[in-house]
Protein backbone atom coordinates (compact mmCIF):
# COMPACT_ATOMS: atom_id res chain seq x y z
CA MET A 1 -10.25 4.72 -3.16
CA THR A 2 -8.31 5.84 -0.15
CA GLU A 3 -6.22 3.40 1.81
CA ASN A 4 -9.30 2.10 3.68
CA SER A 5 -12.68 3.07 2.25
CA ILE A 6 -15.92 2.10 3.95
CA LEU A 7 -17.99 -0.27 1.80
CA CYS A 8 -20.88 -0.94 4.22
CA ARG A 9 -21.85 -2.18 7.65
CA LEU A 10 -21.40 -5.92 8.11
CA ASP A 11 -25.13 -6.19 8.88
CA ASP A 12 -25.91 -4.78 5.41
CA ILE A 13 -25.06 -8.22 4.04
CA GLU A 14 -27.01 -11.15 5.42
CA ASP A 15 -24.77 -13.88 6.82
CA GLY A 16 -24.51 -16.47 4.04
CA GLY A 17 -25.82 -13.92 1.54
CA SER A 18 -24.60 -11.47 -1.04
CA GLN A 19 -25.08 -7.86 -2.03
CA ARG A 20 -24.28 -5.45 -4.87
CA PHE A 21 -22.25 -2.28 -4.28
CA SER A 22 -20.47 0.40 -6.23
CA ALA A 23 -17.11 1.81 -5.19
CA GLU A 24 -14.45 4.07 -6.58
CA ILE A 25 -11.23 2.20 -7.26
CA ASP A 26 -8.24 3.99 -8.75
CA GLY A 27 -10.43 7.00 -9.53
CA LYS A 28 -13.12 5.07 -11.42
CA PRO A 29 -16.49 3.72 -10.26
CA HIS A 30 -16.73 -0.07 -10.30
CA PRO A 31 -19.68 -2.40 -9.66
CA LEU A 32 -18.87 -4.84 -6.88
CA LEU A 33 -20.36 -7.99 -5.44
CA ALA A 34 -19.80 -8.97 -1.84
CA VAL A 35 -20.48 -12.28 -0.09
CA ARG A 36 -20.60 -12.62 3.69
CA THR A 37 -19.62 -15.77 5.54
CA GLY A 38 -19.79 -15.09 9.27
CA ASP A 39 -17.51 -12.16 10.06
CA ARG A 40 -15.69 -12.36 6.71
CA VAL A 41 -16.64 -10.57 3.50
CA PHE A 42 -15.29 -11.52 0.07
CA ALA A 43 -15.61 -8.84 -2.61
CA TYR A 44 -15.08 -8.93 -6.36
CA ILE A 45 -15.60 -6.73 -9.39
CA ASN A 46 -19.09 -7.62 -10.65
CA SER A 47 -17.96 -8.78 -14.08
CA CYS A 48 -17.88 -12.33 -15.44
CA PRO A 49 -14.44 -13.22 -16.81
CA HIS A 50 -16.14 -15.10 -19.66
CA VAL A 51 -18.16 -12.26 -21.23
CA GLY A 52 -17.67 -9.23 -18.97
CA ALA A 53 -21.36 -8.98 -18.05
CA PRO A 54 -22.62 -8.48 -14.47
CA LEU A 55 -23.13 -11.76 -12.62
CA ASP A 56 -26.44 -11.00 -10.90
CA PHE A 57 -29.75 -11.52 -12.70
CA ILE A 58 -31.64 -10.11 -9.71
CA ALA A 59 -29.85 -7.14 -8.12
CA GLY A 60 -27.62 -8.29 -5.28
CA LYS A 61 -28.34 -12.02 -5.71
CA PHE A 62 -25.09 -13.73 -6.63
CA LEU A 63 -25.19 -17.16 -4.98
CA ASN A 64 -26.38 -20.49 -6.30
CA ALA A 65 -29.48 -22.05 -4.70
CA GLU A 66 -27.35 -23.91 -2.14
CA GLY A 67 -25.42 -20.76 -1.19
CA THR A 68 -22.11 -22.54 -1.77
CA HIS A 69 -20.83 -20.67 -4.83
CA ILE A 70 -21.12 -17.37 -6.68
CA GLN A 71 -23.13 -18.09 -9.83
CA CYS A 72 -23.14 -16.17 -13.09
CA ALA A 73 -26.71 -15.48 -14.17
CA ASN A 74 -25.66 -15.37 -17.84
CA HIS A 75 -24.32 -18.89 -18.31
CA GLY A 76 -24.39 -20.58 -14.90
CA ALA A 77 -20.64 -20.62 -14.21
CA LEU A 78 -19.79 -21.27 -10.56
CA PHE A 79 -17.06 -19.46 -8.66
CA ALA A 80 -15.53 -20.28 -5.27
CA ILE A 81 -16.60 -17.70 -2.69
CA GLU A 82 -13.21 -17.58 -0.95
CA ASN A 83 -11.01 -16.91 -4.01
CA GLY A 84 -13.29 -16.21 -7.00
CA LYS A 85 -11.90 -19.08 -9.09
CA CYS A 86 -14.27 -20.54 -11.66
CA VAL A 87 -14.87 -24.20 -10.80
CA GLN A 88 -17.62 -24.98 -13.32
CA GLY A 89 -18.73 -23.49 -16.63
CA PRO A 90 -17.14 -21.99 -19.74
CA CYS A 91 -14.52 -19.99 -17.82
CA VAL A 92 -12.99 -22.79 -15.69
CA GLY A 93 -9.51 -21.74 -14.69
CA ASP A 94 -10.34 -18.01 -14.83
CA ALA A 95 -11.26 -16.00 -11.75
CA LEU A 96 -13.25 -13.00 -10.65
CA GLU A 97 -11.19 -9.87 -9.95
CA PRO A 98 -10.82 -9.65 -6.16
CA VAL A 99 -11.17 -6.51 -4.08
CA SER A 100 -9.51 -6.71 -0.65
CA THR A 101 -11.71 -6.21 2.40
CA LEU A 102 -11.26 -5.84 6.12
CA VAL A 103 -14.00 -6.11 8.74
CA ASN A 104 -13.45 -4.06 11.89
CA ASP A 105 -16.05 -3.23 14.57
CA GLY A 106 -18.92 -4.23 12.29
CA ILE A 107 -17.75 -2.07 9.37
CA VAL A 108 -16.56 -3.53 6.04
CA TYR A 109 -13.64 -1.63 4.54
CA LEU A 110 -12.09 -1.89 1.08
CA THR A 111 -8.33 -2.01 1.51
CA ARG A 112 -5.28 -1.72 -0.69
């Protein structure tokens, strides 16, 4: 990943929704999940801290039914959108691995 790599256009993620991406970080491809809330995008490595499996059961669908938390499809753990901390489930106290983002002129960048 360069200093600022383009992840997507902001409109590629529905407001209040989520999406799956892949990006090169430190020379290796990584699966990512991204959640949009207004003009902000929160991104994480798509790997549950409990078992290391991807969190989405249906590609790109990461949120619980209420849209308030990221939910692991494997065991139902709930993670805060804003910081990736597990708030319910077998990995309480753990967190998703964050990936820094910046939104500028409708483009979502991964930053270092």
